[in-house]
């Protein structure tokens, strides 16, 4: 938790953004979720909206902010003797509330009564889209919805949620304050250590799972754990490959996409691609160098006022230029870019927002979070998956993660359907690249007043020479 002044300031700023709105805003913290039975739960993790505004990292808390009077109330129950036997003495609800600058408290059950009273009297009840079924069920039961209505509907957001409240919190969380930046810098350092352990463990004959276990041990020893399920795979063409049963085979590429979540719940997210055996082949070097250049180009273009959509497109254009020199594509670069040919090789977006969530606020709806009001999502493969397209402002934290992948089924489909309009050299792809895998290189970037900087005090080895040298030690 931060100092209570941080949470007071945030809630005050939220009220100012919602000036003129009527009714109440409700916030529901997470409850524990049983894995098999009530006394054996999944690892505890608090709701991110709650963390941002109220900070209390305990289950069964809720809060109401009256948008007209400004009154704030936290709802929770003090522990009883049965809980104390198992958990030991716990801070009172009143003391926890005061630690985040809230003086008024009531029982957890009183939250339902207060929400129902407001709803029955015709006062608007504002809420943001839920991220957990338990919270969705609670809000739905109180307001007469189905639980599914409380979640975002794909990328468009949640029609039943309060757009005013959701947009207000998005506007605040997109711009990290100094306390958050310190946390993000610190967790980037732990991410560096975790990735270094992974890189050092990649050796011919070793099982992937053993390396995953070692690197995730760092995240648990120095933080809350991983910020998302670790991707460590010799099938880099599969973006979210979470199986780790394979043995490292010399000559293969290993994509390691992994992050740490700090004890205060801020995330890191880095990706590197390593050669088993410690040296890249000439074929691998050509593709790797292209991805590296796209990463560096994107970073150089990241600055206030620039739309991240344009940064994505610039990286894609550079990628197509290099692939053209390798004979994999042919034709005018701008024409290929407009046709979306880059999507065959990079079917994902350049990056996403990051903060308390590794994909920050994605539960609110990608379009609300990642797109300015005058922007719309492209239907093209690749560009259409761009999670962050907004014009950048100081305090934004985004990932810079270009990649090139050779996905056999996608290549076959494009060839069959002629999606590329004659720009792709399928014969060369089929001869040399169908078993290549993929390469992704990802850094975490803070937008500053005059440009950008990478989070943390040091950067993971990334050039071909740096990686090969690090793997030889």
Protein backbone atom coordinates (compact mmCIF):
# COMPACT_ATOMS: atom_id res chain seq x y z
CA UNK A 1 0.00 0.00 0.00
CA UNK A 2 1.00 3.57 -0.61
CA UNK A 3 0.58 6.39 1.92
CA UNK A 4 -3.05 7.22 2.62
CA UNK A 5 -2.63 10.60 0.92
CA UNK A 6 -2.21 8.78 -2.41
CA UNK A 7 -5.64 7.16 -2.16
CA UNK A 8 -7.27 10.35 -0.87
CA UNK A 9 -5.83 12.23 -3.83
CA UNK A 10 -7.02 9.62 -6.31
CA UNK A 11 -10.58 9.55 -5.01
CA UNK A 12 -10.69 13.33 -4.93
CA UNK A 13 -9.53 13.43 -8.56
CA UNK A 14 -12.18 10.87 -9.46
CA UNK A 15 -14.93 13.00 -7.91
CA UNK A 16 -13.68 16.01 -9.84
CA UNK A 17 -13.82 14.06 -13.09
CA UNK A 18 -17.38 13.00 -12.27
CA UNK A 19 -18.55 16.48 -11.34
CA UNK A 20 -22.18 16.80 -12.36
CA UNK A 21 -22.92 13.07 -12.22
CA UNK A 22 -25.72 12.01 -9.87
CA UNK A 23 -26.04 8.97 -7.64
CA UNK A 24 -23.45 6.68 -6.12
CA UNK A 25 -20.37 4.83 -7.37
CA UNK A 26 -19.92 1.32 -6.00
CA UNK A 27 -16.70 -0.66 -5.73
CA UNK A 28 -16.48 -4.33 -4.83
CA UNK A 29 -13.21 -5.90 -3.77
CA UNK A 30 -12.56 -9.54 -4.49
CA UNK A 31 -13.54 -12.43 -2.26
CA UNK A 32 -11.54 -15.62 -1.95
CA UNK A 33 -12.24 -18.18 -4.69
CA UNK A 34 -12.25 -21.89 -3.77
CA UNK A 35 -9.99 -24.09 -5.88
CA UNK A 36 -11.63 -27.33 -4.73
CA UNK A 37 -13.49 -26.43 -1.52
CA UNK A 38 -13.97 -23.27 0.59
CA UNK A 39 -10.92 -23.83 2.78
CA UNK A 40 -8.56 -24.41 -0.17
CA UNK A 41 -8.65 -21.29 -2.31
CA UNK A 42 -6.77 -20.02 -5.32
CA UNK A 43 -3.96 -17.64 -4.46
CA UNK A 44 -5.44 -14.40 -3.18
CA UNK A 45 -5.37 -11.39 -5.52
CA UNK A 46 -7.32 -8.19 -4.96
CA UNK A 47 -9.42 -6.45 -7.63
CA UNK A 48 -7.32 -3.90 -9.53
CA UNK A 49 -9.86 -1.07 -9.40
CA UNK A 50 -10.10 -1.55 -5.67
CA UNK A 51 -6.30 -1.57 -5.33
CA UNK A 52 -6.05 1.71 -7.23
CA UNK A 53 -8.68 3.62 -5.24
CA UNK A 54 -8.71 1.97 -1.83
CA UNK A 55 -5.50 -0.05 -1.52
CA UNK A 56 -6.68 -2.50 1.16
CA UNK A 57 -5.37 -5.91 0.15
CA UNK A 58 -7.88 -8.06 2.03
CA UNK A 59 -10.96 -10.03 0.89
CA UNK A 60 -14.63 -9.08 1.41
CA UNK A 61 -14.35 -5.33 1.24
CA UNK A 62 -16.65 -2.98 -0.65
CA UNK A 63 -17.13 0.77 -0.81
CA UNK A 64 -19.56 3.45 -1.91
CA UNK A 65 -18.73 7.01 -2.93
CA UNK A 66 -21.71 9.36 -3.01
CA UNK A 67 -21.08 11.46 -6.13
CA UNK A 68 -23.25 14.30 -4.88
CA UNK A 69 -22.16 14.64 -1.25
CA UNK A 70 -18.68 13.17 -1.62
CA UNK A 71 -19.28 10.86 1.35
CA UNK A 72 -17.13 7.70 1.32
CA UNK A 73 -17.99 4.47 3.17
CA UNK A 74 -16.03 1.23 3.38
CA UNK A 75 -17.99 -1.94 4.11
CA UNK A 76 -16.37 -4.99 5.73
CA UNK A 77 -16.58 -7.16 8.84
CA UNK A 78 -14.11 -7.50 11.67
CA UNK A 79 -12.85 -11.04 12.22
CA UNK A 80 -14.38 -13.22 14.91
CA UNK A 81 -12.72 -15.69 17.26
CA UNK A 82 -13.01 -18.62 14.84
CA UNK A 83 -11.02 -16.61 12.29
CA UNK A 84 -8.49 -15.48 14.88
CA UNK A 85 -7.79 -19.10 15.83
CA UNK A 86 -6.69 -19.83 12.29
CA UNK A 87 -5.36 -16.45 11.17
CA UNK A 88 -4.27 -14.70 14.33
CA UNK A 89 -5.41 -11.21 15.35
CA UNK A 90 -6.26 -8.95 12.39
CA UNK A 91 -6.46 -5.15 12.05
CA UNK A 92 -9.93 -3.73 12.56
CA UNK A 93 -11.95 -2.57 9.58
CA UNK A 94 -11.92 0.93 11.04
CA UNK A 95 -8.13 1.01 11.23
CA UNK A 96 -7.79 -0.33 7.70
CA UNK A 97 -10.22 2.27 6.39
CA UNK A 98 -8.37 5.07 8.18
CA UNK A 99 -5.09 3.86 6.68
CA UNK A 100 -6.45 4.84 3.25
CA UNK A 101 -8.16 8.03 4.38
CA UNK A 102 -11.75 6.84 4.88
CA UNK A 103 -13.40 7.54 8.25
CA UNK A 104 -16.84 6.00 7.75
CA UNK A 105 -17.31 2.21 7.89
CA UNK A 106 -20.19 -0.26 8.05
CA UNK A 107 -20.71 -4.00 7.91
CA UNK A 108 -20.28 -5.91 4.68
CA UNK A 109 -23.99 -6.75 4.63
CA UNK A 110 -24.88 -3.07 4.94
CA UNK A 111 -23.36 -2.51 1.48
CA UNK A 112 -26.19 -4.47 -0.14
CA UNK A 113 -28.77 -2.50 1.81
CA UNK A 114 -27.24 0.84 0.79
CA UNK A 115 -27.06 -0.09 -2.89
CA UNK A 116 -30.64 -1.38 -2.94
CA UNK A 117 -31.85 1.76 -1.17
CA UNK A 118 -30.18 3.97 -3.78
CA UNK A 119 -31.53 1.90 -6.66
CA UNK A 120 -35.10 1.80 -5.30
CA UNK A 121 -35.09 5.55 -4.75
CA UNK A 122 -34.10 6.11 -8.37
CA UNK A 123 -30.54 7.24 -7.80
CA UNK A 124 -28.08 6.15 -10.51
CA UNK A 125 -25.72 3.38 -9.40
CA UNK A 126 -22.38 3.59 -11.19
CA UNK A 127 -20.05 0.61 -11.48
CA UNK A 128 -17.16 -0.48 -13.71
CA UNK A 129 -17.08 -3.82 -15.56
CA UNK A 130 -16.29 -6.75 -13.29
CA UNK A 131 -13.26 -8.98 -13.65
CA UNK A 132 -14.44 -11.83 -11.37
CA UNK A 133 -17.65 -13.86 -11.48
CA UNK A 134 -18.27 -13.46 -7.74
CA UNK A 135 -18.30 -9.67 -8.05
CA UNK A 136 -20.39 -9.76 -11.20
CA UNK A 137 -22.93 -11.99 -9.47
CA UNK A 138 -23.12 -9.67 -6.47
CA UNK A 139 -23.65 -6.52 -8.53
CA UNK A 140 -26.10 -8.28 -10.87
CA UNK A 141 -28.23 -9.53 -7.99
CA UNK A 142 -28.44 -6.06 -6.48
CA UNK A 143 -29.29 -4.23 -9.70
CA UNK A 144 -31.44 -6.79 -11.51
CA UNK A 145 -29.02 -7.91 -14.21
CA UNK A 146 -27.61 -11.23 -15.28
CA UNK A 147 -23.98 -11.75 -14.23
CA UNK A 148 -22.89 -11.83 -17.87
CA UNK A 149 -24.20 -8.27 -18.25
CA UNK A 150 -21.64 -7.00 -15.72
CA UNK A 151 -18.62 -8.09 -17.78
CA UNK A 152 -17.20 -6.36 -20.84
CA UNK A 153 -18.60 -7.76 -24.05
CA UNK A 154 -15.37 -8.45 -25.93
CA UNK A 155 -13.34 -5.37 -26.83
CA UNK A 156 -16.30 -2.98 -26.76
CA UNK A 157 -16.76 -2.78 -23.01
CA UNK A 158 -19.82 -3.38 -20.85
CA UNK A 159 -23.05 -1.64 -21.96
CA UNK A 160 -24.58 -1.82 -18.48
CA UNK A 161 -21.55 -0.35 -16.68
CA UNK A 162 -21.21 3.37 -16.13
CA UNK A 163 -19.31 4.81 -19.07
CA UNK A 164 -18.71 8.02 -17.13
CA UNK A 165 -17.11 6.18 -14.19
CA UNK A 166 -15.19 3.78 -16.42
CA UNK A 167 -13.77 6.55 -18.62
CA UNK A 168 -12.87 8.62 -15.56
CA UNK A 169 -10.84 5.81 -14.01
CA UNK A 170 -9.23 4.95 -17.36
CA UNK A 171 -8.14 8.56 -17.76
CA UNK A 172 -6.51 8.45 -14.34
CA UNK A 173 -4.87 5.02 -14.53
CA UNK A 174 -3.43 5.62 -18.00
CA UNK A 175 -1.15 8.28 -16.52
CA UNK A 176 1.09 6.80 -13.84
CA UNK A 177 2.02 8.98 -10.87
CA UNK A 178 5.43 9.08 -9.22
CA UNK A 179 4.57 6.36 -6.69
CA UNK A 180 3.50 4.02 -9.47
CA UNK A 181 6.57 4.75 -11.58
CA UNK A 182 8.82 3.84 -8.65
CA UNK A 183 6.95 0.55 -8.28
CA UNK A 184 7.21 -0.17 -12.00
CA UNK A 185 10.92 0.59 -12.04
CA UNK A 186 11.45 -1.72 -9.07
CA UNK A 187 9.47 -4.63 -10.50
CA UNK A 188 11.34 -4.24 -13.80
CA UNK A 189 14.53 -4.97 -11.85
CA UNK A 190 13.03 -8.20 -10.54
CA UNK A 191 11.91 -9.02 -14.07
CA UNK A 192 15.51 -8.57 -15.23
CA UNK A 193 16.68 -11.08 -12.64
CA UNK A 194 13.94 -13.58 -13.51
CA UNK A 195 14.76 -13.43 -17.21
CA UNK A 196 18.47 -13.77 -16.50
CA UNK A 197 17.77 -17.01 -14.63
CA UNK A 198 15.74 -18.22 -17.60
CA UNK A 199 18.45 -17.36 -20.13
CA UNK A 200 21.15 -19.05 -18.06
CA UNK A 201 19.07 -22.22 -17.77
CA UNK A 202 18.50 -22.75 -21.49
CA UNK A 203 20.84 -25.62 -22.29
CA UNK A 204 20.58 -28.55 -24.66
CA UNK A 205 18.93 -31.58 -23.03
CA UNK A 206 17.25 -29.62 -20.22
CA UNK A 207 13.47 -29.82 -19.82
CA UNK A 208 11.67 -26.49 -20.28
CA UNK A 209 9.69 -26.94 -17.05
CA UNK A 210 12.81 -26.93 -14.89
CA UNK A 211 13.76 -23.49 -16.21
CA UNK A 212 10.22 -22.19 -15.73
CA UNK A 213 10.32 -23.37 -12.12
CA UNK A 214 13.62 -21.62 -11.46
CA UNK A 215 12.59 -18.33 -13.01
CA UNK A 216 9.18 -18.26 -11.33
CA UNK A 217 10.95 -18.89 -8.03
CA UNK A 218 12.51 -15.44 -8.40
CA UNK A 219 9.08 -13.86 -8.83
CA UNK A 220 7.87 -15.53 -5.64
CA UNK A 221 11.01 -14.81 -3.64
CA UNK A 222 10.96 -11.10 -4.49
CA UNK A 223 7.33 -10.35 -5.35
CA UNK A 224 3.76 -11.60 -5.44
CA UNK A 225 4.56 -14.00 -8.28
CA UNK A 226 4.28 -13.86 -12.04
CA UNK A 227 2.12 -11.17 -13.65
CA UNK A 228 0.69 -13.70 -16.12
CA UNK A 229 1.23 -17.39 -16.96
CA UNK A 230 4.81 -17.77 -18.16
CA UNK A 231 5.43 -18.36 -21.86
CA UNK A 232 8.66 -20.29 -22.41
CA UNK A 233 8.57 -22.33 -25.57
CA UNK A 234 10.44 -23.60 -28.60
CA UNK A 235 7.19 -23.08 -30.50
CA UNK A 236 7.42 -19.31 -30.67
CA UNK A 237 4.88 -19.26 -33.47
CA UNK A 238 2.26 -20.07 -30.80
CA UNK A 239 1.77 -16.76 -29.00
CA UNK A 240 0.42 -18.11 -25.72
CA UNK A 241 2.08 -21.51 -25.51
CA UNK A 242 1.98 -22.45 -21.82
CA UNK A 243 3.14 -26.06 -22.10
CA UNK A 244 6.67 -26.66 -20.84
CA UNK A 245 7.25 -30.37 -21.35
CA UNK A 246 9.75 -30.22 -24.22
CA UNK A 247 13.49 -30.77 -24.00
CA UNK A 248 15.70 -27.97 -25.31
CA UNK A 249 17.04 -28.98 -28.72
CA UNK A 250 20.14 -27.41 -30.22
CA UNK A 251 19.35 -25.00 -33.03
CA UNK A 252 15.84 -24.20 -31.81
CA UNK A 253 14.72 -20.73 -30.75
CA UNK A 254 13.18 -20.24 -27.30
CA UNK A 255 10.71 -17.41 -26.77
CA UNK A 256 10.59 -16.34 -23.11
CA UNK A 257 7.69 -13.98 -22.45
CA UNK A 258 7.30 -13.50 -18.71
CA UNK A 259 6.67 -10.87 -16.08
CA UNK A 260 6.73 -10.29 -12.35
CA UNK A 261 3.96 -8.87 -10.20
CA UNK A 262 5.27 -6.93 -7.23
CA UNK A 263 3.87 -7.29 -3.73
CA UNK A 264 2.03 -4.02 -4.39
CA UNK A 265 0.63 -5.60 -7.59
CA UNK A 266 2.43 -3.66 -10.30
CA UNK A 267 3.61 -5.62 -13.32
CA UNK A 268 6.59 -6.17 -15.56
CA UNK A 269 6.42 -7.86 -18.97
CA UNK A 270 9.55 -8.64 -20.97
CA UNK A 271 10.26 -10.97 -23.88
CA UNK A 272 13.52 -12.26 -25.29
CA UNK A 273 14.22 -14.99 -27.84
CA UNK A 274 17.24 -17.21 -27.25
CA UNK A 275 19.03 -19.83 -29.37
CA UNK A 276 19.51 -23.27 -27.83
CA UNK A 277 23.23 -23.82 -28.07
CA UNK A 278 24.04 -20.15 -27.57
CA UNK A 279 24.42 -19.00 -31.18
CA UNK A 280 21.92 -17.94 -33.82
CA UNK A 281 22.04 -19.45 -37.30
CA UNK A 282 22.41 -17.10 -40.26
CA UNK A 283 18.73 -17.60 -41.10
CA UNK A 284 17.75 -16.79 -37.52
CA UNK A 285 20.02 -13.74 -37.43
CA UNK A 286 18.28 -12.18 -40.43
CA UNK A 287 14.87 -12.39 -38.80
CA UNK A 288 16.14 -11.53 -35.32
CA UNK A 289 17.90 -8.40 -36.56
CA UNK A 290 14.71 -7.27 -38.25
CA UNK A 291 12.68 -7.66 -35.04
CA UNK A 292 15.39 -5.85 -33.09
CA UNK A 293 15.36 -2.94 -35.54
CA UNK A 294 11.57 -2.73 -35.25
CA UNK A 295 11.86 -2.65 -31.45
CA UNK A 296 14.46 0.14 -31.57
CA UNK A 297 12.50 2.11 -34.17
CA UNK A 298 9.32 1.90 -32.12
CA UNK A 299 11.15 3.12 -29.03
CA UNK A 300 12.65 6.06 -30.94
CA UNK A 301 9.19 7.12 -32.12
CA UNK A 302 7.53 6.81 -28.70
CA UNK A 303 6.91 10.33 -27.40
CA UNK A 304 4.07 12.62 -26.33
CA UNK A 305 1.62 13.49 -29.10
CA UNK A 306 2.44 10.48 -31.25
CA UNK A 307 -0.32 7.93 -31.73
CA UNK A 308 0.90 4.45 -30.81
CA UNK A 309 -1.08 3.21 -33.80
CA UNK A 310 1.36 5.14 -36.00
CA UNK A 311 4.30 3.63 -34.14
CA UNK A 312 2.86 0.17 -34.84
CA UNK A 313 2.51 0.98 -38.54
CA UNK A 314 6.05 2.36 -38.75
CA UNK A 315 7.43 -0.82 -37.21
CA UNK A 316 5.39 -2.94 -39.63
CA UNK A 317 6.61 -0.93 -42.62
CA UNK A 318 10.22 -1.40 -41.55
CA UNK A 319 9.62 -5.11 -41.08
CA UNK A 320 8.17 -5.42 -44.59
CA UNK A 321 11.16 -3.57 -46.01
CA UNK A 322 13.58 -6.03 -44.43
CA UNK A 323 11.49 -9.03 -45.44
CA UNK A 324 11.48 -7.68 -48.97
CA UNK A 325 15.29 -7.66 -48.97
CA UNK A 326 15.20 -11.30 -47.84
CA UNK A 327 12.87 -12.16 -50.74
CA UNK A 328 9.92 -13.12 -48.52
CA UNK A 329 7.66 -10.34 -49.80
CA UNK A 330 7.66 -8.17 -52.89
CA UNK A 331 6.03 -4.95 -54.06
CA UNK A 332 5.50 -1.40 -52.91
CA UNK A 333 5.90 -1.08 -49.15
CA UNK A 334 3.04 1.35 -48.65
CA UNK A 335 0.72 -0.83 -50.69
CA UNK A 336 1.67 -3.90 -48.65
CA UNK A 337 1.18 -1.92 -45.46
CA UNK A 338 -2.27 -0.72 -46.47
CA UNK A 339 -3.28 -4.26 -47.48
CA UNK A 340 -2.20 -5.59 -44.08
CA UNK A 341 0.45 -7.96 -45.42
CA UNK A 342 2.44 -7.43 -42.21
CA UNK A 343 -0.29 -9.31 -40.37
CA UNK A 344 0.88 -12.60 -41.85
CA UNK A 345 4.17 -12.20 -39.99
CA UNK A 346 3.00 -10.22 -36.93
CA UNK A 347 -0.65 -10.98 -36.23
CA UNK A 348 -0.60 -9.05 -32.95
CA UNK A 349 -0.30 -5.40 -32.01
CA UNK A 350 2.93 -3.62 -31.14
CA UNK A 351 2.05 -3.29 -27.47
CA UNK A 352 -0.39 -2.66 -24.66
CA UNK A 353 -0.82 -0.52 -21.57
CA UNK A 354 0.71 -1.84 -18.36
CA UNK A 355 0.40 -0.99 -14.68
CA UNK A 356 -1.55 -2.75 -11.93
CA UNK A 357 -2.68 -5.18 -14.64
CA UNK A 358 -0.13 -6.51 -17.08
CA UNK A 359 -2.68 -5.64 -19.78
CA UNK A 360 -3.80 -2.60 -17.87
CA UNK A 361 -7.57 -2.23 -17.41
CA UNK A 362 -8.37 -4.73 -20.15
CA UNK A 363 -11.41 -5.85 -18.14
CA UNK A 364 -12.94 -2.44 -18.88
CA UNK A 365 -12.92 -3.11 -22.64
CA UNK A 366 -9.91 -2.71 -24.95
CA UNK A 367 -11.53 -0.06 -27.12
CA UNK A 368 -12.28 2.25 -24.19
CA UNK A 369 -8.82 1.80 -22.71
CA UNK A 370 -6.62 1.72 -25.78
CA UNK A 371 -8.34 4.00 -28.32
CA UNK A 372 -9.00 7.73 -28.37
CA UNK A 373 -12.63 8.70 -29.11
CA UNK A 374 -11.77 9.60 -32.72
CA UNK A 375 -9.95 6.30 -33.36
CA UNK A 376 -11.51 3.02 -34.45
CA UNK A 377 -10.17 -0.50 -34.51
CA UNK A 378 -8.97 -1.86 -37.85
CA UNK A 379 -10.42 -5.12 -39.21
CA UNK A 380 -6.97 -6.19 -40.45
CA UNK A 381 -5.09 -9.08 -38.91
CA UNK A 382 -2.35 -7.65 -36.73
CA UNK A 383 -3.39 -4.00 -36.68
CA UNK A 384 -6.83 -5.11 -35.51
CA UNK A 385 -5.21 -6.70 -32.44
CA UNK A 386 -3.47 -3.50 -31.39
CA UNK A 387 -4.44 -2.97 -27.75
CA UNK A 388 -2.94 0.52 -27.45
CA UNK A 389 -3.50 2.99 -30.29
CA UNK A 390 -3.92 6.25 -28.35
CA UNK A 391 -1.93 9.44 -28.72
CA UNK A 392 0.74 9.17 -26.08
CA UNK A 393 1.03 11.47 -23.07
CA UNK A 394 3.68 11.64 -20.34
CA UNK A 395 3.03 8.96 -17.74
CA UNK A 396 1.76 6.32 -20.16
CA UNK A 397 3.42 2.94 -19.71
CA UNK A 398 3.34 0.74 -22.79
CA UNK A 399 5.07 -2.37 -24.04
CA UNK A 400 7.22 -2.34 -27.17
CA UNK A 401 6.99 -5.89 -28.49
CA UNK A 402 7.33 -6.43 -32.22
CA UNK A 403 7.71 -9.97 -33.49
CA UNK A 404 7.96 -12.11 -36.58
CA UNK A 405 6.36 -15.54 -36.68
CA UNK A 406 5.99 -18.26 -39.26
CA UNK A 407 2.65 -19.95 -38.56
CA UNK A 408 2.21 -22.88 -40.99
CA UNK A 409 -1.60 -22.96 -40.83
CA UNK A 410 -1.88 -19.21 -41.35
CA UNK A 411 0.58 -19.29 -44.25
CA UNK A 412 -1.42 -22.10 -45.88
CA UNK A 413 -4.69 -20.22 -45.40
CA UNK A 414 -3.37 -16.97 -46.89
CA UNK A 415 -1.93 -18.88 -49.83
CA UNK A 416 -5.24 -20.68 -50.43
CA UNK A 417 -7.34 -17.52 -50.17
CA UNK A 418 -4.90 -15.14 -51.89
CA UNK A 419 -5.07 -12.74 -48.95
CA UNK A 420 -1.66 -11.27 -49.75
CA UNK A 421 -2.68 -10.15 -53.27
CA UNK A 422 0.48 -11.65 -54.73
CA UNK A 423 2.97 -9.96 -52.39
CA UNK A 424 4.19 -13.06 -50.49
CA UNK A 425 6.80 -15.54 -51.71
CA UNK A 426 5.18 -18.76 -50.51
CA UNK A 427 7.75 -20.97 -52.21
CA UNK A 428 10.55 -19.49 -50.09
CA UNK A 429 8.46 -19.63 -46.94
CA UNK A 430 7.64 -23.29 -47.51
CA UNK A 431 11.24 -24.19 -48.30
CA UNK A 432 12.98 -22.62 -45.31
CA UNK A 433 10.62 -21.19 -42.68
CA UNK A 434 7.73 -23.51 -41.81
CA UNK A 435 9.67 -24.96 -38.86
CA UNK A 436 11.33 -21.66 -37.88
CA UNK A 437 9.02 -20.77 -34.98
CA UNK A 438 8.95 -17.13 -34.00
CA UNK A 439 10.87 -14.23 -32.50
CA UNK A 440 9.52 -11.54 -30.15
CA UNK A 441 11.47 -8.83 -28.31
CA UNK A 442 9.65 -6.83 -25.64
CA UNK A 443 10.57 -3.94 -23.38
CA UNK A 444 8.48 -1.92 -20.91
CA UNK A 445 8.47 1.79 -21.76
CA UNK A 446 7.51 4.93 -19.85
CA UNK A 447 6.50 7.97 -21.89
CA UNK A 448 8.28 11.05 -20.51
CA UNK A 449 7.88 14.77 -21.08
CA UNK A 450 10.32 14.78 -24.00
CA UNK A 451 10.33 11.18 -25.24
CA UNK A 452 10.48 7.84 -23.48
CA UNK A 453 12.67 5.62 -21.33
CA UNK A 454 12.71 1.93 -20.59
CA UNK A 455 11.68 0.95 -17.09
CA UNK A 456 14.32 -0.22 -14.67
CA UNK A 457 17.98 0.73 -14.41
CA UNK A 458 19.24 -1.82 -16.95
CA UNK A 459 18.13 -3.56 -20.10
CA UNK A 460 18.17 -7.28 -20.71
CA UNK A 461 20.74 -8.27 -23.36
CA UNK A 462 19.01 -7.84 -26.70
CA UNK A 463 21.45 -7.48 -29.60
CA UNK A 464 22.70 -10.66 -31.25
CA UNK A 465 26.17 -10.05 -29.83
CA UNK A 466 24.89 -9.30 -26.32
CA UNK A 467 22.72 -12.42 -26.20
CA UNK A 468 25.40 -14.74 -27.55
CA UNK A 469 27.94 -13.34 -25.11
CA UNK A 470 25.55 -13.69 -22.14
CA UNK A 471 24.76 -17.28 -23.10
CA UNK A 472 28.47 -18.16 -23.31
CA UNK A 473 29.18 -17.22 -19.69
